[in-house]
Amino acid sequence: AQQTSLGKNARALETEYRDKVARDY
């Protein structure tokens, strides 16, 4: 997970998509 930045990427995507839903609603 560290070598591939899996956690970092997943957290960044969650923030991006959550923020979009927040804007939509």
PDB file of all heavy atoms in Angstrom:
ATOM      1  N   ALA A   1       0.837  -1.201   0.000  1.00  0.00           N
ATOM      2  CA  ALA A   1       0.000   0.000   0.000  1.00  0.00           C
ATOM      3  C   ALA A   1       0.873   1.253   0.000  1.00  0.00           C
ATOM      4  O   ALA A   1       0.583   2.224  -0.703  1.00  0.00           O
ATOM      5  CB  ALA A   1      -0.940  -0.015   1.198  1.00  0.00           C
ATOM      6  N   GLN A   2       1.952   1.216   0.778  1.00  0.00           N
ATOM      7  CA  GLN A   2       2.877   2.350   0.831  1.00  0.00           C
ATOM      8  C   GLN A   2       3.586   2.540  -0.505  1.00  0.00           C
ATOM      9  O   GLN A   2       3.649   3.643  -1.034  1.00  0.00           O
ATOM     10  CB  GLN A   2       3.898   2.130   1.955  1.00  0.00           C
ATOM     11  CG  GLN A   2       4.926   3.225   2.083  1.00  0.00           C
ATOM     12  CD  GLN A   2       4.352   4.511   2.614  1.00  0.00           C
ATOM     13  OE1 GLN A   2       3.412   4.504   3.393  1.00  0.00           O
ATOM     14  NE2 GLN A   2       4.903   5.630   2.209  1.00  0.00           N
ATOM     15  N   GLN A   3       4.108   1.463  -1.073  1.00  0.00           N
ATOM     16  CA  GLN A   3       4.848   1.543  -2.343  1.00  0.00           C
ATOM     17  C   GLN A   3       3.986   2.043  -3.489  1.00  0.00           C
ATOM     18  O   GLN A   3       4.476   2.721  -4.393  1.00  0.00           O
ATOM     19  CB  GLN A   3       5.424   0.172  -2.704  1.00  0.00           C
ATOM     20  CG  GLN A   3       6.564  -0.267  -1.835  1.00  0.00           C
ATOM     21  CD  GLN A   3       6.990  -1.690  -2.141  1.00  0.00           C
ATOM     22  OE1 GLN A   3       6.739  -2.218  -3.219  1.00  0.00           O
ATOM     23  NE2 GLN A   3       7.641  -2.325  -1.176  1.00  0.00           N
ATOM     24  N   THR A   4       2.715   1.695  -3.483  1.00  0.00           N
ATOM     25  CA  THR A   4       1.827   2.059  -4.591  1.00  0.00           C
ATOM     26  C   THR A   4       0.998   3.308  -4.305  1.00  0.00           C
ATOM     27  O   THR A   4       0.216   3.734  -5.152  1.00  0.00           O
ATOM     28  CB  THR A   4       0.873   0.899  -4.916  1.00  0.00           C
ATOM     29  OG1 THR A   4       0.066   0.619  -3.766  1.00  0.00           O
ATOM     30  CG2 THR A   4       1.640  -0.341  -5.324  1.00  0.00           C
ATOM     31  N   SER A   5       1.141   3.860  -3.096  1.00  0.00           N
ATOM     32  CA  SER A   5       0.349   5.024  -2.654  1.00  0.00           C
ATOM     33  C   SER A   5      -1.149   4.732  -2.658  1.00  0.00           C
ATOM     34  O   SER A   5      -1.962   5.627  -2.875  1.00  0.00           O
ATOM     35  CB  SER A   5       0.644   6.256  -3.516  1.00  0.00           C
ATOM     36  OG  SER A   5       2.002   6.612  -3.424  1.00  0.00           O
ATOM     37  N   LEU A   6      -1.522   3.486  -2.393  1.00  0.00           N
ATOM     38  CA  LEU A   6      -2.929   3.111  -2.416  1.00  0.00           C
ATOM     39  C   LEU A   6      -3.754   3.926  -1.425  1.00  0.00           C
ATOM     40  O   LEU A   6      -4.784   4.499  -1.792  1.00  0.00           O
ATOM     41  CB  LEU A   6      -3.089   1.611  -2.141  1.00  0.00           C
ATOM     42  CG  LEU A   6      -4.518   1.082  -2.101  1.00  0.00           C
ATOM     43  CD1 LEU A   6      -5.235   1.322  -3.424  1.00  0.00           C
ATOM     44  CD2 LEU A   6      -4.517  -0.400  -1.759  1.00  0.00           C
ATOM     45  N   GLY A   7      -3.318   4.001  -0.194  1.00  0.00           N
ATOM     46  CA  GLY A   7      -4.071   4.750   0.810  1.00  0.00           C
ATOM     47  C   GLY A   7      -4.159   6.231   0.481  1.00  0.00           C
ATOM     48  O   GLY A   7      -5.230   6.839   0.568  1.00  0.00           O
ATOM     49  N   LYS A   8      -3.041   6.795   0.084  1.00  0.00           N
ATOM     50  CA  LYS A   8      -3.003   8.222  -0.271  1.00  0.00           C
ATOM     51  C   LYS A   8      -3.956   8.519  -1.425  1.00  0.00           C
ATOM     52  O   LYS A   8      -4.736   9.475  -1.380  1.00  0.00           O
ATOM     53  CB  LYS A   8      -1.571   8.613  -0.637  1.00  0.00           C
ATOM     54  CG  LYS A   8      -1.395  10.047  -1.038  1.00  0.00           C
ATOM     55  CD  LYS A   8       0.053  10.311  -1.428  1.00  0.00           C
ATOM     56  CE  LYS A   8       0.212  11.705  -1.981  1.00  0.00           C
ATOM     57  NZ  LYS A   8       1.575  11.936  -2.472  1.00  0.00           N
ATOM     58  N   ASN A   9      -3.912   7.683  -2.453  1.00  0.00           N
ATOM     59  CA  ASN A   9      -4.780   7.896  -3.615  1.00  0.00           C
ATOM     60  C   ASN A   9      -6.247   7.701  -3.252  1.00  0.00           C
ATOM     61  O   ASN A   9      -7.111   8.467  -3.702  1.00  0.00           O
ATOM     62  CB  ASN A   9      -4.381   6.970  -4.763  1.00  0.00           C
ATOM     63  CG  ASN A   9      -3.052   7.359  -5.368  1.00  0.00           C
ATOM     64  OD1 ASN A   9      -2.567   8.463  -5.186  1.00  0.00           O
ATOM     65  ND2 ASN A   9      -2.443   6.437  -6.084  1.00  0.00           N
ATOM     66  N   ALA A  10      -6.535   6.686  -2.475  1.00  0.00           N
ATOM     67  CA  ALA A  10      -7.923   6.431  -2.079  1.00  0.00           C
ATOM     68  C   ALA A  10      -8.475   7.588  -1.253  1.00  0.00           C
ATOM     69  O   ALA A  10      -9.608   8.029  -1.458  1.00  0.00           O
ATOM     70  CB  ALA A  10      -8.018   5.121  -1.300  1.00  0.00           C
ATOM     71  N   ARG A  11      -7.669   8.106  -0.325  1.00  0.00           N
ATOM     72  CA  ARG A  11      -8.120   9.249   0.493  1.00  0.00           C
ATOM     73  C   ARG A  11      -8.340  10.494  -0.367  1.00  0.00           C
ATOM     74  O   ARG A  11      -9.318  11.224  -0.182  1.00  0.00           O
ATOM     75  CB  ARG A  11      -7.120   9.528   1.614  1.00  0.00           C
ATOM     76  CG  ARG A  11      -7.202   8.533   2.763  1.00  0.00           C
ATOM     77  CD  ARG A  11      -6.317   8.931   3.938  1.00  0.00           C
ATOM     78  NE  ARG A  11      -4.902   9.017   3.600  1.00  0.00           N
ATOM     79  CZ  ARG A  11      -4.073   7.971   3.542  1.00  0.00           C
ATOM     80  NH1 ARG A  11      -4.519   6.759   3.794  1.00  0.00           N
ATOM     81  NH2 ARG A  11      -2.805   8.134   3.236  1.00  0.00           N
ATOM     82  N   ALA A  12      -7.450  10.735  -1.311  1.00  0.00           N
ATOM     83  CA  ALA A  12      -7.593  11.902  -2.195  1.00  0.00           C
ATOM     84  C   ALA A  12      -8.855  11.778  -3.044  1.00  0.00           C
ATOM     85  O   ALA A  12      -9.605  12.753  -3.206  1.00  0.00           O
ATOM     86  CB  ALA A  12      -6.362  12.043  -3.084  1.00  0.00           C
ATOM     87  N   LEU A  13      -9.113  10.589  -3.566  1.00  0.00           N
ATOM     88  CA  LEU A  13     -10.324  10.388  -4.366  1.00  0.00           C
ATOM     89  C   LEU A  13     -11.573  10.527  -3.509  1.00  0.00           C
ATOM     90  O   LEU A  13     -12.573  11.101  -3.951  1.00  0.00           O
ATOM     91  CB  LEU A  13     -10.292   9.016  -5.049  1.00  0.00           C
ATOM     92  CG  LEU A  13      -9.316   8.896  -6.214  1.00  0.00           C
ATOM     93  CD1 LEU A  13      -9.164   7.449  -6.644  1.00  0.00           C
ATOM     94  CD2 LEU A  13      -9.758   9.767  -7.375  1.00  0.00           C
ATOM     95  N   GLU A  14     -11.517  10.021  -2.287  1.00  0.00           N
ATOM     96  CA  GLU A  14     -12.682  10.161  -1.414  1.00  0.00           C
ATOM     97  C   GLU A  14     -12.980  11.635  -1.143  1.00  0.00           C
ATOM     98  O   GLU A  14     -14.129  12.069  -1.210  1.00  0.00           O
ATOM     99  CB  GLU A  14     -12.489   9.426  -0.091  1.00  0.00           C
ATOM    100  CG  GLU A  14     -13.711   9.550   0.793  1.00  0.00           C
ATOM    101  CD  GLU A  14     -13.652   8.722   2.050  1.00  0.00           C
ATOM    102  OE1 GLU A  14     -12.561   8.281   2.446  1.00  0.00           O
ATOM    103  OE2 GLU A  14     -14.725   8.521   2.633  1.00  0.00           O
ATOM    104  N   THR A  15     -11.954  12.412  -0.876  1.00  0.00           N
ATOM    105  CA  THR A  15     -12.143  13.849  -0.645  1.00  0.00           C
ATOM    106  C   THR A  15     -12.733  14.511  -1.883  1.00  0.00           C
ATOM    107  O   THR A  15     -13.690  15.281  -1.790  1.00  0.00           O
ATOM    108  CB  THR A  15     -10.804  14.507  -0.270  1.00  0.00           C
ATOM    109  OG1 THR A  15     -10.335  13.916   0.949  1.00  0.00           O
ATOM    110  CG2 THR A  15     -10.951  16.003  -0.094  1.00  0.00           C
ATOM    111  N   GLU A  16     -12.186  14.197  -3.040  1.00  0.00           N
ATOM    112  CA  GLU A  16     -12.664  14.784  -4.294  1.00  0.00           C
ATOM    113  C   GLU A  16     -14.144  14.462  -4.537  1.00  0.00           C
ATOM    114  O   GLU A  16     -14.955  15.349  -4.808  1.00  0.00           O
ATOM    115  CB  GLU A  16     -11.824  14.258  -5.456  1.00  0.00           C
ATOM    116  CG  GLU A  16     -12.274  14.717  -6.818  1.00  0.00           C
ATOM    117  CD  GLU A  16     -11.469  14.070  -7.928  1.00  0.00           C
ATOM    118  OE1 GLU A  16     -10.257  13.824  -7.754  1.00  0.00           O
ATOM    119  OE2 GLU A  16     -12.068  13.806  -8.996  1.00  0.00           O
ATOM    120  N   TYR A  17     -14.478  13.189  -4.442  1.00  0.00           N
ATOM    121  CA  TYR A  17     -15.858  12.779  -4.730  1.00  0.00           C
ATOM    122  C   TYR A  17     -16.826  13.225  -3.633  1.00  0.00           C
ATOM    123  O   TYR A  17     -17.953  13.618  -3.925  1.00  0.00           O
ATOM    124  CB  TYR A  17     -15.936  11.264  -4.939  1.00  0.00           C
ATOM    125  CG  TYR A  17     -15.498  10.848  -6.319  1.00  0.00           C
ATOM    126  CD1 TYR A  17     -14.185  10.451  -6.569  1.00  0.00           C
ATOM    127  CD2 TYR A  17     -16.383  10.860  -7.384  1.00  0.00           C
ATOM    128  CE1 TYR A  17     -13.780  10.071  -7.833  1.00  0.00           C
ATOM    129  CE2 TYR A  17     -15.994  10.479  -8.657  1.00  0.00           C
ATOM    130  CZ  TYR A  17     -14.682  10.088  -8.877  1.00  0.00           C
ATOM    131  OH  TYR A  17     -14.284   9.717 -10.143  1.00  0.00           O
ATOM    132  N   ARG A  18     -16.400  13.186  -2.376  1.00  0.00           N
ATOM    133  CA  ARG A  18     -17.257  13.644  -1.282  1.00  0.00           C
ATOM    134  C   ARG A  18     -17.549  15.139  -1.432  1.00  0.00           C
ATOM    135  O   ARG A  18     -18.676  15.585  -1.251  1.00  0.00           O
ATOM    136  CB  ARG A  18     -16.604  13.343   0.072  1.00  0.00           C
ATOM    137  CG  ARG A  18     -17.516  13.649   1.262  1.00  0.00           C
ATOM    138  CD  ARG A  18     -16.829  13.411   2.595  1.00  0.00           C
ATOM    139  NE  ARG A  18     -15.634  14.236   2.704  1.00  0.00           N
ATOM    140  CZ  ARG A  18     -14.415  13.767   2.948  1.00  0.00           C
ATOM    141  NH1 ARG A  18     -14.203  12.486   3.125  1.00  0.00           N
ATOM    142  NH2 ARG A  18     -13.384  14.591   3.026  1.00  0.00           N
ATOM    143  N   ASP A  19     -16.527  15.903  -1.792  1.00  0.00           N
ATOM    144  CA  ASP A  19     -16.716  17.342  -1.988  1.00  0.00           C
ATOM    145  C   ASP A  19     -17.675  17.620  -3.141  1.00  0.00           C
ATOM    146  O   ASP A  19     -18.478  18.554  -3.077  1.00  0.00           O
ATOM    147  CB  ASP A  19     -15.382  18.039  -2.225  1.00  0.00           C
ATOM    148  CG  ASP A  19     -14.516  18.090  -0.976  1.00  0.00           C
ATOM    149  OD1 ASP A  19     -15.014  17.743   0.125  1.00  0.00           O
ATOM    150  OD2 ASP A  19     -13.330  18.455  -1.100  1.00  0.00           O
ATOM    151  N   LYS A  20     -17.597  16.820  -4.193  1.00  0.00           N
ATOM    152  CA  LYS A  20     -18.519  16.996  -5.314  1.00  0.00           C
ATOM    153  C   LYS A  20     -19.950  16.721  -4.876  1.00  0.00           C
ATOM    154  O   LYS A  20     -20.867  17.478  -5.214  1.00  0.00           O
ATOM    155  CB  LYS A  20     -18.148  16.100  -6.491  1.00  0.00           C
ATOM    156  CG  LYS A  20     -19.078  16.311  -7.676  1.00  0.00           C
ATOM    157  CD  LYS A  20     -18.750  15.434  -8.839  1.00  0.00           C
ATOM    158  CE  LYS A  20     -19.640  15.648 -10.036  1.00  0.00           C
ATOM    159  NZ  LYS A  20     -20.984  16.120  -9.823  1.00  0.00           N
ATOM    160  N   VAL A  21     -20.156  15.670  -4.115  1.00  0.00           N
ATOM    161  CA  VAL A  21     -21.504  15.372  -3.605  1.00  0.00           C
ATOM    162  C   VAL A  21     -21.968  16.515  -2.703  1.00  0.00           C
ATOM    163  O   VAL A  21     -23.123  16.936  -2.783  1.00  0.00           O
ATOM    164  CB  VAL A  21     -21.532  14.017  -2.864  1.00  0.00           C
ATOM    165  CG1 VAL A  21     -22.811  13.840  -2.067  1.00  0.00           C
ATOM    166  CG2 VAL A  21     -21.378  12.881  -3.860  1.00  0.00           C
ATOM    167  N   ALA A  22     -21.068  17.046  -1.902  1.00  0.00           N
ATOM    168  CA  ALA A  22     -21.431  18.167  -1.025  1.00  0.00           C
ATOM    169  C   ALA A  22     -21.858  19.376  -1.852  1.00  0.00           C
ATOM    170  O   ALA A  22     -22.822  20.064  -1.492  1.00  0.00           O
ATOM    171  CB  ALA A  22     -20.262  18.528  -0.114  1.00  0.00           C
ATOM    172  N   ARG A  23     -21.168  19.629  -2.963  1.00  0.00           N
ATOM    173  CA  ARG A  23     -21.561  20.743  -3.832  1.00  0.00           C
ATOM    174  C   ARG A  23     -22.913  20.462  -4.490  1.00  0.00           C
ATOM    175  O   ARG A  23     -23.762  21.337  -4.597  1.00  0.00           O
ATOM    176  CB  ARG A  23     -20.501  20.998  -4.899  1.00  0.00           C
ATOM    177  CG  ARG A  23     -19.261  21.676  -4.378  1.00  0.00           C
ATOM    178  CD  ARG A  23     -18.322  22.121  -5.493  1.00  0.00           C
ATOM    179  NE  ARG A  23     -17.949  21.056  -6.413  1.00  0.00           N
ATOM    180  CZ  ARG A  23     -16.925  20.219  -6.243  1.00  0.00           C
ATOM    181  NH1 ARG A  23     -16.178  20.322  -5.166  1.00  0.00           N
ATOM    182  NH2 ARG A  23     -16.650  19.293  -7.146  1.00  0.00           N
ATOM    183  N   ASP A  24     -23.100  19.207  -4.926  1.00  0.00           N
ATOM    184  CA  ASP A  24     -24.361  18.832  -5.577  1.00  0.00           C
ATOM    185  C   ASP A  24     -25.553  18.953  -4.629  1.00  0.00           C
ATOM    186  O   ASP A  24     -26.682  19.179  -5.072  1.00  0.00           O
ATOM    187  CB  ASP A  24     -24.287  17.397  -6.115  1.00  0.00           C
ATOM    188  CG  ASP A  24     -23.327  17.260  -7.284  1.00  0.00           C
ATOM    189  OD1 ASP A  24     -22.894  18.293  -7.844  1.00  0.00           O
ATOM    190  OD2 ASP A  24     -22.997  16.110  -7.631  1.00  0.00           O
ATOM    191  N   TYR A  25     -25.306  18.770  -3.359  1.00  0.00           N
ATOM    192  CA  TYR A  25     -26.368  18.814  -2.351  1.00  0.00           C
ATOM    193  C   TYR A  25     -26.167  19.975  -1.373  1.00  0.00           C
ATOM    194  O   TYR A  25     -26.506  19.873  -0.196  1.00  0.00           O
ATOM    195  CB  TYR A  25     -26.428  17.477  -1.590  1.00  0.00           C
ATOM    196  CG  TYR A  25     -26.921  16.342  -2.437  1.00  0.00           C
ATOM    197  CD1 TYR A  25     -26.031  15.568  -3.180  1.00  0.00           C
ATOM    198  CD2 TYR A  25     -28.279  16.058  -2.524  1.00  0.00           C
ATOM    199  CE1 TYR A  25     -26.478  14.530  -3.977  1.00  0.00           C
ATOM    200  CE2 TYR A  25     -28.741  15.022  -3.321  1.00  0.00           C
ATOM    201  CZ  TYR A  25     -27.830  14.261  -4.047  1.00  0.00           C
ATOM    202  OH  TYR A  25     -28.280  13.241  -4.835  1.00  0.00           O
TER     203      TYR A  25
END
